[in-house]
PDB file of N, CA and C in Angstrom:
ATOM      1  N   SER A   1      20.424 -54.946  46.226  1.00  0.00           N
ATOM      2  CA  SER A   1      19.884 -55.239  45.096  1.00  0.00           C
ATOM      3  C   SER A   1      19.755 -53.714  44.274  1.00  0.00           C
ATOM      4  N   GLU A   2      19.451 -53.894  43.056  1.00  0.00           N
ATOM      5  CA  GLU A   2      19.102 -52.515  42.298  1.00  0.00           C
ATOM      6  C   GLU A   2      17.996 -51.813  42.759  1.00  0.00           C
ATOM      7  N   VAL A   3      16.777 -52.703  43.144  1.00  0.00           N
ATOM      8  CA  VAL A   3      15.496 -51.867  43.525  1.00  0.00           C
ATOM      9  C   VAL A   3      15.834 -51.310  44.853  1.00  0.00           C
ATOM     10  N   GLN A   4      16.438 -51.969  45.884  1.00  0.00           N
ATOM     11  CA  GLN A   4      17.144 -51.077  46.852  1.00  0.00           C
ATOM     12  C   GLN A   4      17.527 -50.037  46.691  1.00  0.00           C
ATOM     13  N   THR A   5      18.736 -49.990  45.686  1.00  0.00           N
ATOM     14  CA  THR A   5      19.566 -48.970  45.578  1.00  0.00           C
ATOM     15  C   THR A   5      18.678 -47.556  45.020  1.00  0.00           C
ATOM     16  N   ARG A   6      17.531 -48.047  44.273  1.00  0.00           N
ATOM     17  CA  ARG A   6      16.784 -47.015  43.680  1.00  0.00           C
ATOM     18  C   ARG A   6      15.868 -46.291  44.692  1.00  0.00           C
ATOM     19  N   LEU A   7      15.360 -47.169  45.525  1.00  0.00           N
ATOM     20  CA  LEU A   7      14.639 -46.788  46.738  1.00  0.00           C
ATOM     21  C   LEU A   7      15.415 -45.855  47.726  1.00  0.00           C
ATOM     22  N   GLU A   8      16.596 -46.117  47.938  1.00  0.00           N
ATOM     23  CA  GLU A   8      17.421 -45.531  48.721  1.00  0.00           C
ATOM     24  C   GLU A   8      17.738 -44.159  48.211  1.00  0.00           C
ATOM     25  N   VAL A   9      17.990 -43.999  46.797  1.00  0.00           N
ATOM     26  CA  VAL A   9      17.907 -42.698  46.137  1.00  0.00           C
ATOM     27  C   VAL A   9      16.886 -41.676  46.543  1.00  0.00           C
ATOM     28  N   ARG A  10      15.513 -42.596  46.228  1.00  0.00           N
ATOM     29  CA  ARG A  10      14.403 -41.810  46.386  1.00  0.00           C
ATOM     30  C   ARG A  10      14.266 -41.388  47.869  1.00  0.00           C
ATOM     31  N   LEU A  11      14.557 -42.149  48.943  1.00  0.00           N
ATOM     32  CA  LEU A  11      14.537 -41.598  50.030  1.00  0.00           C
ATOM     33  C   LEU A  11      15.349 -40.344  50.555  1.00  0.00           C
ATOM     34  N   ARG A  12      16.508 -40.445  49.761  1.00  0.00           N
ATOM     35  CA  ARG A  12      17.576 -39.328  49.960  1.00  0.00           C
ATOM     36  C   ARG A  12      16.948 -38.050  49.110  1.00  0.00           C
ATOM     37  N   GLN A  13      16.170 -38.424  47.943  1.00  0.00           N
ATOM     38  CA  GLN A  13      15.516 -36.971  47.675  1.00  0.00           C
ATOM     39  C   GLN A  13      14.422 -36.521  48.600  1.00  0.00           C
ATOM     40  N   PHE A  14      13.813 -37.354  49.123  1.00  0.00           N
ATOM     41  CA  PHE A  14      12.968 -36.821  49.972  1.00  0.00           C
ATOM     42  C   PHE A  14      13.322 -36.028  51.120  1.00  0.00           C
ATOM     43  N   LEU A  15      14.480 -36.554  51.684  1.00  0.00           N
ATOM     44  CA  LEU A  15      14.981 -36.032  52.842  1.00  0.00           C
ATOM     45  C   LEU A  15      15.789 -34.710  52.505  1.00  0.00           C
ATOM     46  N   ASP A  16      16.210 -34.681  51.231  1.00  0.00           N
ATOM     47  CA  ASP A  16      16.497 -33.234  50.563  1.00  0.00           C
ATOM     48  C   ASP A  16      15.425 -32.230  50.763  1.00  0.00           C
ATOM     49  N   TRP A  17      14.349 -32.578  50.410  1.00  0.00           N
ATOM     50  CA  TRP A  17      13.354 -31.720  50.502  1.00  0.00           C
ATOM     51  C   TRP A  17      12.745 -31.150  52.027  1.00  0.00           C
ATOM     52  N   THR A  18      12.763 -32.168  52.839  1.00  0.00           N
ATOM     53  CA  THR A  18      12.492 -31.977  54.166  1.00  0.00           C
ATOM     54  C   THR A  18      13.842 -31.173  54.573  1.00  0.00           C
ATOM     55  N   GLY A  19      14.977 -30.766  53.989  1.00  0.00           N
ATOM     56  CA  GLY A  19      15.667 -29.917  54.206  1.00  0.00           C
ATOM     57  C   GLY A  19      15.643 -28.428  53.878  1.00  0.00           C
ATOM     58  N   LYS A  20      14.613 -28.322  52.728  1.00  0.00           N
ATOM     59  CA  LYS A  20      14.463 -27.172  52.277  1.00  0.00           C
ATOM     60  C   LYS A  20      12.971 -26.501  52.903  1.00  0.00           C
ATOM     61  N   LEU A  21      12.749 -27.481  53.503  1.00  0.00           N
ATOM     62  CA  LEU A  21      11.055 -26.813  54.337  1.00  0.00           C
ATOM     63  C   LEU A  21      11.149 -27.152  55.526  1.00  0.00           C
ATOM     64  N   PRO A  22      10.379 -26.567  56.395  1.00  0.00           N
ATOM     65  CA  PRO A  22      10.367 -26.973  57.799  1.00  0.00           C
ATOM     66  C   PRO A  22       9.939 -28.378  57.937  1.00  0.00           C
ATOM     67  N   THR A  23      10.406 -29.315  58.549  1.00  0.00           N
ATOM     68  CA  THR A  23      10.235 -30.759  58.636  1.00  0.00           C
ATOM     69  C   THR A  23       9.035 -31.011  58.830  1.00  0.00           C
ATOM     70  N   PRO A  24       8.239 -30.634  59.808  1.00  0.00           N
ATOM     71  CA  PRO A  24       6.769 -31.013  60.255  1.00  0.00           C
ATOM     72  C   PRO A  24       5.934 -30.522  59.031  1.00  0.00           C
ATOM     73  N   ILE A  25       6.229 -29.287  58.116  1.00  0.00           N
ATOM     74  CA  ILE A  25       5.332 -29.061  56.941  1.00  0.00           C
ATOM     75  C   ILE A  25       5.388 -30.049  55.772  1.00  0.00           C
ATOM     76  N   ALA A  26       6.715 -30.299  55.432  1.00  0.00           N
ATOM     77  CA  ALA A  26       7.038 -31.335  54.714  1.00  0.00           C
ATOM     78  C   ALA A  26       6.421 -32.736  55.024  1.00  0.00           C
ATOM     79  N   ILE A  27       6.212 -33.087  56.137  1.00  0.00           N
ATOM     80  CA  ILE A  27       5.763 -34.387  56.453  1.00  0.00           C
ATOM     81  C   ILE A  27       4.259 -34.280  56.343  1.00  0.00           C
ATOM     82  N   LYS A  28       3.735 -33.203  56.703  1.00  0.00           N
ATOM     83  CA  LYS A  28       2.256 -32.918  56.844  1.00  0.00           C
ATOM     84  C   LYS A  28       1.760 -32.772  55.371  1.00  0.00           C
ATOM     85  N   GLU A  29       2.535 -32.168  54.240  1.00  0.00           N
ATOM     86  CA  GLU A  29       2.215 -31.975  53.308  1.00  0.00           C
ATOM     87  C   GLU A  29       2.348 -33.502  52.405  1.00  0.00           C
ATOM     88  N   ALA A  30       3.398 -34.187  52.702  1.00  0.00           N
ATOM     89  CA  ALA A  30       3.342 -35.670  51.901  1.00  0.00           C
ATOM     90  C   ALA A  30       2.130 -36.488  52.532  1.00  0.00           C
ATOM     91  N   THR A  31       1.807 -36.381  54.012  1.00  0.00           N
ATOM     92  CA  THR A  31       0.670 -37.056  54.229  1.00  0.00           C
ATOM     93  C   THR A  31      -0.525 -36.570  53.603  1.00  0.00           C
ATOM     94  N   MET A  32      -0.726 -35.197  53.390  1.00  0.00           N
ATOM     95  CA  MET A  32      -1.985 -34.753  52.668  1.00  0.00           C
ATOM     96  C   MET A  32      -1.984 -35.223  51.342  1.00  0.00           C
ATOM     97  N   ALA A  33      -0.817 -35.346  50.542  1.00  0.00           N
ATOM     98  CA  ALA A  33      -0.817 -35.796  49.254  1.00  0.00           C
ATOM     99  C   ALA A  33      -1.282 -37.276  49.166  1.00  0.00           C
ATOM    100  N   ARG A  34      -0.960 -38.040  50.141  1.00  0.00           N
ATOM    101  CA  ARG A  34      -1.570 -39.329  50.178  1.00  0.00           C
ATOM    102  C   ARG A  34      -2.862 -39.593  50.220  1.00  0.00           C
ATOM    103  N   GLY A  35      -3.655 -38.339  50.735  1.00  0.00           N
ATOM    104  CA  GLY A  35      -5.093 -38.427  50.666  1.00  0.00           C
ATOM    105  C   GLY A  35      -5.551 -38.536  52.092  1.00  0.00           C
ATOM    106  N   LEU A  36      -4.785 -38.215  52.940  1.00  0.00           N
ATOM    107  CA  LEU A  36      -5.096 -37.950  54.541  1.00  0.00           C
ATOM    108  C   LEU A  36      -5.550 -36.673  54.800  1.00  0.00           C
ATOM    109  N   LYS A  37      -6.611 -36.319  55.624  1.00  0.00           N
ATOM    110  CA  LYS A  37      -6.857 -35.003  55.841  1.00  0.00           C
ATOM    111  C   LYS A  37      -6.432 -34.464  56.940  1.00  0.00           C
ATOM    112  N   LEU A  38      -5.660 -33.624  57.145  1.00  0.00           N
ATOM    113  CA  LEU A  38      -5.154 -33.107  58.239  1.00  0.00           C
ATOM    114  C   LEU A  38      -5.736 -31.303  58.418  1.00  0.00           C
ATOM    115  N   GLY A  39      -5.326 -30.998  59.333  1.00  0.00           N
ATOM    116  CA  GLY A  39      -5.657 -29.503  59.598  1.00  0.00           C
ATOM    117  C   GLY A  39      -4.529 -28.504  59.130  1.00  0.00           C
ATOM    118  N   PRO A  40      -4.714 -27.233  59.054  1.00  0.00           N
ATOM    119  CA  PRO A  40      -3.771 -26.253  58.607  1.00  0.00           C
ATOM    120  C   PRO A  40      -2.442 -26.272  59.264  1.00  0.00           C
ATOM    121  N   HIS A  41      -1.372 -25.715  58.784  1.00  0.00           N
ATOM    122  CA  HIS A  41       0.050 -25.663  59.115  1.00  0.00           C
ATOM    123  C   HIS A  41      -0.058 -24.899  60.411  1.00  0.00           C
ATOM    124  N   SER A  42       0.967 -25.199  61.185  1.00  0.00           N
ATOM    125  CA  SER A  42       0.885 -24.282  62.461  1.00  0.00           C
ATOM    126  C   SER A  42       1.784 -23.142  62.337  1.00  0.00           C
ATOM    127  N   LEU A  43       2.619 -23.054  61.252  1.00  0.00           N
ATOM    128  CA  LEU A  43       3.604 -22.024  60.994  1.00  0.00           C
ATOM    129  C   LEU A  43       3.032 -21.165  59.795  1.00  0.00           C
ATOM    130  N   ALA A  44       3.017 -19.782  59.969  1.00  0.00           N
ATOM    131  CA  ALA A  44       2.775 -19.013  58.821  1.00  0.00           C
ATOM    132  C   ALA A  44       3.595 -19.098  57.691  1.00  0.00           C
ATOM    133  N   SER A  45       2.959 -19.174  56.422  1.00  0.00           N
ATOM    134  CA  SER A  45       3.922 -19.180  55.175  1.00  0.00           C
ATOM    135  C   SER A  45       4.021 -18.053  54.525  1.00  0.00           C
ATOM    136  N   ASP A  46       5.317 -17.390  54.679  1.00  0.00           N
ATOM    137  CA  ASP A  46       5.595 -16.343  53.702  1.00  0.00           C
ATOM    138  C   ASP A  46       5.821 -16.670  52.006  1.00  0.00           C
ATOM    139  N   GLY A  47       5.998 -15.825  51.190  1.00  0.00           N
ATOM    140  CA  GLY A  47       5.754 -15.752  49.975  1.00  0.00           C
ATOM    141  C   GLY A  47       6.871 -17.126  49.618  1.00  0.00           C
ATOM    142  N   GLN A  48       7.977 -17.082  50.011  1.00  0.00           N
ATOM    143  CA  GLN A  48       9.145 -18.018  49.686  1.00  0.00           C
ATOM    144  C   GLN A  48       8.701 -19.350  50.133  1.00  0.00           C
ATOM    145  N   LEU A  49       8.024 -19.447  51.246  1.00  0.00           N
ATOM    146  CA  LEU A  49       7.716 -20.836  51.787  1.00  0.00           C
ATOM    147  C   LEU A  49       6.554 -21.419  50.902  1.00  0.00           C
ATOM    148  N   GLN A  50       5.652 -20.465  50.622  1.00  0.00           N
ATOM    149  CA  GLN A  50       4.380 -20.788  49.663  1.00  0.00           C
ATOM    150  C   GLN A  50       5.091 -21.398  48.363  1.00  0.00           C
ATOM    151  N   ARG A  51       5.951 -20.734  47.809  1.00  0.00           N
ATOM    152  CA  ARG A  51       6.444 -21.111  46.555  1.00  0.00           C
ATOM    153  C   ARG A  51       7.168 -22.378  46.702  1.00  0.00           C
ATOM    154  N   ASP A  52       7.901 -22.687  47.659  1.00  0.00           N
ATOM    155  CA  ASP A  52       8.689 -23.944  48.105  1.00  0.00           C
ATOM    156  C   ASP A  52       7.621 -25.118  48.090  1.00  0.00           C
ATOM    157  N   LEU A  53       6.537 -24.645  48.984  1.00  0.00           N
ATOM    158  CA  LEU A  53       5.525 -25.766  49.257  1.00  0.00           C
ATOM    159  C   LEU A  53       4.808 -25.749  47.750  1.00  0.00           C
ATOM    160  N   ASP A  54       4.570 -25.099  46.981  1.00  0.00           N
ATOM    161  CA  ASP A  54       3.878 -25.264  45.581  1.00  0.00           C
ATOM    162  C   ASP A  54       4.894 -26.183  44.848  1.00  0.00           C
ATOM    163  N   GLN A  55       6.316 -25.940  44.604  1.00  0.00           N
ATOM    164  CA  GLN A  55       6.975 -26.915  43.951  1.00  0.00           C
ATOM    165  C   GLN A  55       7.016 -28.266  44.775  1.00  0.00           C
ATOM    166  N   PHE A  56       7.016 -28.289  46.129  1.00  0.00           N
ATOM    167  CA  PHE A  56       7.069 -29.637  46.726  1.00  0.00           C
ATOM    168  C   PHE A  56       6.088 -30.523  46.435  1.00  0.00           C
ATOM    169  N   ARG A  57       4.877 -29.711  46.540  1.00  0.00           N
ATOM    170  CA  ARG A  57       3.707 -30.662  46.028  1.00  0.00           C
ATOM    171  C   ARG A  57       3.543 -31.064  44.663  1.00  0.00           C
ATOM    172  N   GLU A  58       3.927 -30.316  43.617  1.00  0.00           N
ATOM    173  CA  GLU A  58       4.228 -31.098  42.266  1.00  0.00           C
ATOM    174  C   GLU A  58       5.071 -31.984  42.173  1.00  0.00           C
ATOM    175  N   TRP A  59       6.207 -31.747  43.001  1.00  0.00           N
ATOM    176  CA  TRP A  59       7.339 -32.754  42.729  1.00  0.00           C
ATOM    177  C   TRP A  59       6.922 -33.997  43.553  1.00  0.00           C
ATOM    178  N   PHE A  60       6.328 -33.781  44.448  1.00  0.00           N
ATOM    179  CA  PHE A  60       5.836 -35.015  45.462  1.00  0.00           C
ATOM    180  C   PHE A  60       5.021 -35.776  44.532  1.00  0.00           C
ATOM    181  N   LYS A  61       3.957 -35.253  43.828  1.00  0.00           N
ATOM    182  CA  LYS A  61       3.076 -36.408  42.974  1.00  0.00           C
ATOM    183  C   LYS A  61       4.038 -37.252  42.165  1.00  0.00           C
ATOM    184  N   GLY A  62       4.653 -36.821  41.402  1.00  0.00           N
ATOM    185  CA  GLY A  62       5.654 -37.557  40.365  1.00  0.00           C
ATOM    186  C   GLY A  62       6.353 -38.698  41.387  1.00  0.00           C
ATOM    187  N   TRP A  63       7.125 -38.345  42.417  1.00  0.00           N
ATOM    188  CA  TRP A  63       7.975 -38.969  43.260  1.00  0.00           C
ATOM    189  C   TRP A  63       7.290 -40.019  43.678  1.00  0.00           C
ATOM    190  N   LEU A  64       6.165 -39.780  44.556  1.00  0.00           N
ATOM    191  CA  LEU A  64       5.207 -40.817  44.913  1.00  0.00           C
ATOM    192  C   LEU A  64       4.700 -41.841  44.027  1.00  0.00           C
ATOM    193  N   ALA A  65       4.413 -41.578  43.044  1.00  0.00           N
ATOM    194  CA  ALA A  65       3.920 -42.446  41.843  1.00  0.00           C
ATOM    195  C   ALA A  65       5.184 -43.345  41.632  1.00  0.00           C
ATOM    196  N   GLN A  66       6.284 -42.737  41.175  1.00  0.00           N
ATOM    197  CA  GLN A  66       7.630 -43.614  41.135  1.00  0.00           C
ATOM    198  C   GLN A  66       7.805 -44.544  42.162  1.00  0.00           C
ATOM    199  N   THR A  67       7.752 -44.071  43.455  1.00  0.00           N
ATOM    200  CA  THR A  67       8.303 -44.906  44.450  1.00  0.00           C
ATOM    201  C   THR A  67       7.367 -46.043  44.534  1.00  0.00           C
ATOM    202  N   LEU A  68       5.953 -45.722  44.708  1.00  0.00           N
ATOM    203  CA  LEU A  68       5.106 -46.879  44.899  1.00  0.00           C
ATOM    204  C   LEU A  68       5.430 -47.956  43.778  1.00  0.00           C
ATOM    205  N   SER A  69       5.464 -47.354  42.605  1.00  0.00           N
ATOM    206  CA  SER A  69       5.862 -48.271  41.642  1.00  0.00           C
ATOM    207  C   SER A  69       6.962 -49.398  41.755  1.00  0.00           C
ATOM    208  N   GLU A  70       7.894 -48.568  42.249  1.00  0.00           N
ATOM    209  CA  GLU A  70       9.422 -49.428  42.773  1.00  0.00           C
ATOM    210  C   GLU A  70       9.118 -50.477  43.730  1.00  0.00           C
ATOM    211  N   CYS A  71       8.164 -49.906  44.587  1.00  0.00           N
ATOM    212  CA  CYS A  71       8.201 -50.780  45.826  1.00  0.00           C
ATOM    213  C   CYS A  71       7.264 -52.034  45.456  1.00  0.00           C
ATOM    214  N   LYS A  72       6.452 -52.205  44.385  1.00  0.00           N
ATOM    215  CA  LYS A  72       5.851 -53.425  43.884  1.00  0.00           C
ATOM    216  C   LYS A  72       6.918 -54.328  43.356  1.00  0.00           C
ATOM    217  N   HIS A  73       8.153 -53.990  43.163  1.00  0.00           N
ATOM    218  CA  HIS A  73       9.076 -54.904  42.722  1.00  0.00           C
ATOM    219  C   HIS A  73      10.036 -55.381  43.947  1.00  0.00           C
ATOM    220  N   VAL A  74       9.553 -55.138  45.076  1.00  0.00           N
ATOM    221  CA  VAL A  74      10.559 -55.669  46.209  1.00  0.00           C
ATOM    222  C   VAL A  74       9.891 -56.779  46.725  1.00  0.00           C
TER     223      VAL A  74
END
């Protein structure tokens, strides 16, 4: 269906981000963005990683809202 296709695209977008960041950090950031409290990352972040994390956090907010909205139509 059209909704399933859009959700698959959203999943691929998320997976693309996990390819840009260390996977545990991407998953942890996504979990924290959903409101769950977690401890600090186990990896030290250099300047580039910090910039990538900032971009991911901004991107994820919009992505999550759109994805949850799509899920209401399934």
